[in-house]
N, C-alpha and C. Protein backbone atom coordinates (compact mmCIF):
# COMPACT_ATOMS: atom_id res chain seq x y z
N UNK A 1 49.55 23.57 -16.31
CA UNK A 1 48.95 22.40 -16.91
C UNK A 1 48.63 22.70 -18.36
N UNK A 2 49.06 21.81 -19.22
CA UNK A 2 48.78 21.96 -20.65
C UNK A 2 47.32 21.60 -20.91
N UNK A 3 46.67 22.40 -21.74
CA UNK A 3 45.25 22.20 -22.02
C UNK A 3 45.08 21.88 -23.49
N UNK A 4 44.21 20.91 -23.79
CA UNK A 4 43.88 20.55 -25.17
C UNK A 4 42.39 20.75 -25.37
N UNK A 5 42.02 21.11 -26.57
CA UNK A 5 40.62 21.26 -26.93
C UNK A 5 40.16 19.97 -27.59
N UNK A 6 38.95 19.51 -27.20
CA UNK A 6 38.39 18.29 -27.79
C UNK A 6 36.97 18.58 -28.25
N UNK A 7 36.53 17.83 -29.21
CA UNK A 7 35.15 17.93 -29.68
C UNK A 7 34.42 16.65 -29.28
N UNK A 8 33.24 16.80 -28.70
CA UNK A 8 32.43 15.63 -28.36
C UNK A 8 31.01 15.85 -28.83
N UNK A 9 30.31 14.77 -29.06
CA UNK A 9 28.90 14.84 -29.45
C UNK A 9 28.05 14.45 -28.26
N UNK A 10 27.05 15.27 -27.99
CA UNK A 10 26.14 15.02 -26.87
C UNK A 10 24.70 15.19 -27.35
N UNK A 11 23.78 14.45 -26.75
CA UNK A 11 22.38 14.69 -27.08
C UNK A 11 22.00 16.13 -26.70
N UNK A 12 21.16 16.73 -27.50
CA UNK A 12 20.82 18.14 -27.30
C UNK A 12 20.28 18.40 -25.90
N UNK A 13 19.40 17.54 -25.40
CA UNK A 13 18.81 17.76 -24.09
C UNK A 13 19.87 17.72 -22.99
N UNK A 14 20.85 16.84 -23.13
CA UNK A 14 21.92 16.77 -22.14
C UNK A 14 22.72 18.08 -22.15
N UNK A 15 22.99 18.60 -23.32
CA UNK A 15 23.73 19.86 -23.41
C UNK A 15 22.94 21.00 -22.78
N UNK A 16 21.63 20.99 -22.95
CA UNK A 16 20.78 22.00 -22.32
C UNK A 16 20.93 21.91 -20.80
N UNK A 17 20.90 20.69 -20.27
CA UNK A 17 21.02 20.49 -18.82
C UNK A 17 22.41 20.89 -18.32
N UNK A 18 23.44 20.59 -19.10
CA UNK A 18 24.81 20.97 -18.72
C UNK A 18 24.93 22.49 -18.67
N UNK A 19 24.43 23.14 -19.69
CA UNK A 19 24.49 24.61 -19.72
C UNK A 19 23.69 25.24 -18.59
N UNK A 20 22.55 24.67 -18.28
CA UNK A 20 21.73 25.19 -17.18
C UNK A 20 22.47 25.04 -15.86
N UNK A 21 23.05 23.88 -15.61
CA UNK A 21 23.79 23.65 -14.37
C UNK A 21 25.00 24.58 -14.29
N UNK A 22 25.70 24.77 -15.40
CA UNK A 22 26.86 25.67 -15.42
C UNK A 22 26.44 27.10 -15.06
N UNK A 23 25.32 27.54 -15.62
CA UNK A 23 24.83 28.89 -15.30
C UNK A 23 24.47 29.00 -13.82
N UNK A 24 23.80 27.97 -13.29
CA UNK A 24 23.42 27.98 -11.88
C UNK A 24 24.64 28.09 -10.97
N UNK A 25 25.75 27.50 -11.40
CA UNK A 25 26.96 27.47 -10.59
C UNK A 25 27.96 28.55 -10.99
N UNK A 26 27.54 29.44 -11.88
CA UNK A 26 28.38 30.56 -12.33
C UNK A 26 29.74 30.11 -12.83
N UNK A 27 29.71 29.13 -13.72
CA UNK A 27 30.96 28.69 -14.33
C UNK A 27 30.72 28.27 -15.77
N UNK A 28 31.81 27.97 -16.44
CA UNK A 28 31.70 27.63 -17.85
C UNK A 28 31.32 26.17 -18.05
N UNK A 29 30.86 25.89 -19.24
CA UNK A 29 30.56 24.51 -19.63
C UNK A 29 31.81 23.66 -19.49
N UNK A 30 32.94 24.19 -19.93
CA UNK A 30 34.21 23.44 -19.85
C UNK A 30 34.56 23.08 -18.41
N UNK A 31 34.40 24.03 -17.51
CA UNK A 31 34.71 23.76 -16.10
C UNK A 31 33.81 22.66 -15.55
N UNK A 32 32.54 22.73 -15.87
CA UNK A 32 31.60 21.73 -15.39
C UNK A 32 31.94 20.35 -15.94
N UNK A 33 32.20 20.27 -17.23
CA UNK A 33 32.52 18.98 -17.85
C UNK A 33 33.85 18.42 -17.35
N UNK A 34 34.81 19.31 -17.12
CA UNK A 34 36.10 18.86 -16.59
C UNK A 34 35.92 18.25 -15.20
N UNK A 35 35.15 18.93 -14.35
CA UNK A 35 34.90 18.40 -13.01
C UNK A 35 34.15 17.08 -13.08
N UNK A 36 33.18 16.98 -13.98
CA UNK A 36 32.41 15.75 -14.12
C UNK A 36 33.32 14.60 -14.56
N UNK A 37 34.24 14.86 -15.46
CA UNK A 37 35.16 13.82 -15.92
C UNK A 37 36.08 13.36 -14.80
N UNK A 38 36.61 14.31 -14.05
CA UNK A 38 37.50 13.98 -12.93
C UNK A 38 36.73 13.17 -11.89
N UNK A 39 35.51 13.58 -11.57
CA UNK A 39 34.68 12.87 -10.61
C UNK A 39 34.42 11.44 -11.07
N UNK A 40 34.09 11.27 -12.33
CA UNK A 40 33.81 9.95 -12.89
C UNK A 40 35.04 9.04 -12.78
N UNK A 41 36.18 9.54 -13.18
CA UNK A 41 37.41 8.74 -13.16
C UNK A 41 37.78 8.35 -11.74
N UNK A 42 37.72 9.30 -10.81
CA UNK A 42 38.06 8.99 -9.41
C UNK A 42 37.06 8.02 -8.79
N UNK A 43 35.78 8.20 -9.09
CA UNK A 43 34.76 7.31 -8.55
C UNK A 43 34.96 5.89 -9.07
N UNK A 44 35.20 5.75 -10.36
CA UNK A 44 35.44 4.43 -10.94
C UNK A 44 36.67 3.77 -10.32
N UNK A 45 37.70 4.55 -10.14
CA UNK A 45 38.94 4.03 -9.56
C UNK A 45 38.71 3.58 -8.12
N UNK A 46 38.04 4.42 -7.33
CA UNK A 46 37.74 4.07 -5.94
C UNK A 46 36.84 2.84 -5.87
N UNK A 47 35.88 2.74 -6.77
CA UNK A 47 34.96 1.61 -6.80
C UNK A 47 35.73 0.32 -7.08
N UNK A 48 36.69 0.37 -7.99
CA UNK A 48 37.50 -0.81 -8.31
C UNK A 48 38.30 -1.27 -7.10
N UNK A 49 38.87 -0.33 -6.37
CA UNK A 49 39.63 -0.66 -5.16
C UNK A 49 38.70 -1.29 -4.13
N UNK A 50 37.53 -0.71 -3.95
CA UNK A 50 36.57 -1.23 -2.99
C UNK A 50 36.13 -2.65 -3.36
N UNK A 51 35.84 -2.88 -4.63
CA UNK A 51 35.44 -4.21 -5.07
C UNK A 51 36.54 -5.23 -4.82
N UNK A 52 37.77 -4.85 -5.07
CA UNK A 52 38.90 -5.73 -4.84
C UNK A 52 39.03 -6.07 -3.36
N UNK A 53 38.91 -5.06 -2.51
CA UNK A 53 38.99 -5.28 -1.06
C UNK A 53 37.88 -6.21 -0.59
N UNK A 54 36.68 -5.97 -1.08
CA UNK A 54 35.54 -6.79 -0.67
C UNK A 54 35.73 -8.23 -1.14
N UNK A 55 36.21 -8.42 -2.37
CA UNK A 55 36.43 -9.77 -2.89
C UNK A 55 37.46 -10.51 -2.04
N UNK A 56 38.51 -9.82 -1.64
CA UNK A 56 39.54 -10.44 -0.80
C UNK A 56 38.96 -10.85 0.55
N UNK A 57 38.18 -9.96 1.17
CA UNK A 57 37.58 -10.27 2.47
C UNK A 57 36.56 -11.40 2.35
N UNK A 58 35.78 -11.40 1.29
CA UNK A 58 34.78 -12.45 1.08
C UNK A 58 35.47 -13.81 0.94
N UNK A 59 36.57 -13.84 0.21
CA UNK A 59 37.31 -15.09 0.01
C UNK A 59 37.81 -15.61 1.36
N UNK A 60 38.33 -14.71 2.20
CA UNK A 60 38.82 -15.11 3.53
C UNK A 60 37.70 -15.68 4.39
N UNK A 61 36.47 -15.16 4.19
CA UNK A 61 35.33 -15.62 4.98
C UNK A 61 34.63 -16.82 4.34
N UNK A 62 35.11 -17.24 3.19
CA UNK A 62 34.52 -18.38 2.51
C UNK A 62 33.22 -18.06 1.78
N UNK A 63 33.00 -16.80 1.49
CA UNK A 63 31.79 -16.39 0.78
C UNK A 63 32.02 -16.56 -0.72
N UNK A 64 31.15 -17.35 -1.34
CA UNK A 64 31.30 -17.62 -2.77
C UNK A 64 30.10 -17.15 -3.59
N UNK A 65 29.00 -16.85 -2.91
CA UNK A 65 27.80 -16.45 -3.64
C UNK A 65 26.92 -15.55 -2.78
N UNK A 66 25.89 -15.01 -3.40
CA UNK A 66 24.93 -14.20 -2.65
C UNK A 66 24.18 -15.05 -1.64
N UNK A 67 23.98 -16.32 -1.98
CA UNK A 67 23.33 -17.24 -1.04
C UNK A 67 24.14 -17.34 0.25
N UNK A 68 25.46 -17.39 0.11
CA UNK A 68 26.33 -17.44 1.30
C UNK A 68 26.14 -16.20 2.17
N UNK A 69 26.00 -15.06 1.54
CA UNK A 69 25.79 -13.81 2.28
C UNK A 69 24.44 -13.85 3.00
N UNK A 70 23.41 -14.28 2.28
CA UNK A 70 22.08 -14.37 2.88
C UNK A 70 22.08 -15.32 4.08
N UNK A 71 22.77 -16.44 3.97
CA UNK A 71 22.86 -17.39 5.08
C UNK A 71 23.55 -16.75 6.28
N UNK A 72 24.62 -15.99 6.04
CA UNK A 72 25.32 -15.33 7.14
C UNK A 72 24.42 -14.29 7.81
N UNK A 73 23.69 -13.55 7.03
CA UNK A 73 22.78 -12.53 7.58
C UNK A 73 21.69 -13.22 8.40
N UNK A 74 21.09 -14.27 7.83
CA UNK A 74 20.05 -15.00 8.54
C UNK A 74 20.56 -15.57 9.86
N UNK A 75 21.76 -16.09 9.86
CA UNK A 75 22.31 -16.67 11.10
C UNK A 75 22.54 -15.62 12.16
N UNK A 76 22.84 -14.39 11.76
CA UNK A 76 23.05 -13.31 12.72
C UNK A 76 21.73 -12.81 13.28
N UNK A 77 20.65 -12.96 12.52
CA UNK A 77 19.34 -12.47 12.94
C UNK A 77 18.69 -13.41 13.97
N UNK A 78 19.08 -14.65 13.95
CA UNK A 78 18.44 -15.61 14.87
C UNK A 78 19.22 -15.82 16.13
């Protein structure tokens, strides 16, 4: 895998926390930040898929608003 070096600006306190976490986990700052970036991208991607699936299912059920959801929940409780 080809690796590139990048420069980023971070608030000082965040960098302190990143370095502390990296030390706790016996790894480099780069390794920690790389994992955090991968986690963020995958989580965002998975969240988008989930939202799309939920929107499709809601449309099939005729759900158009939060009020519709509340009504469905209330009807199941009674």
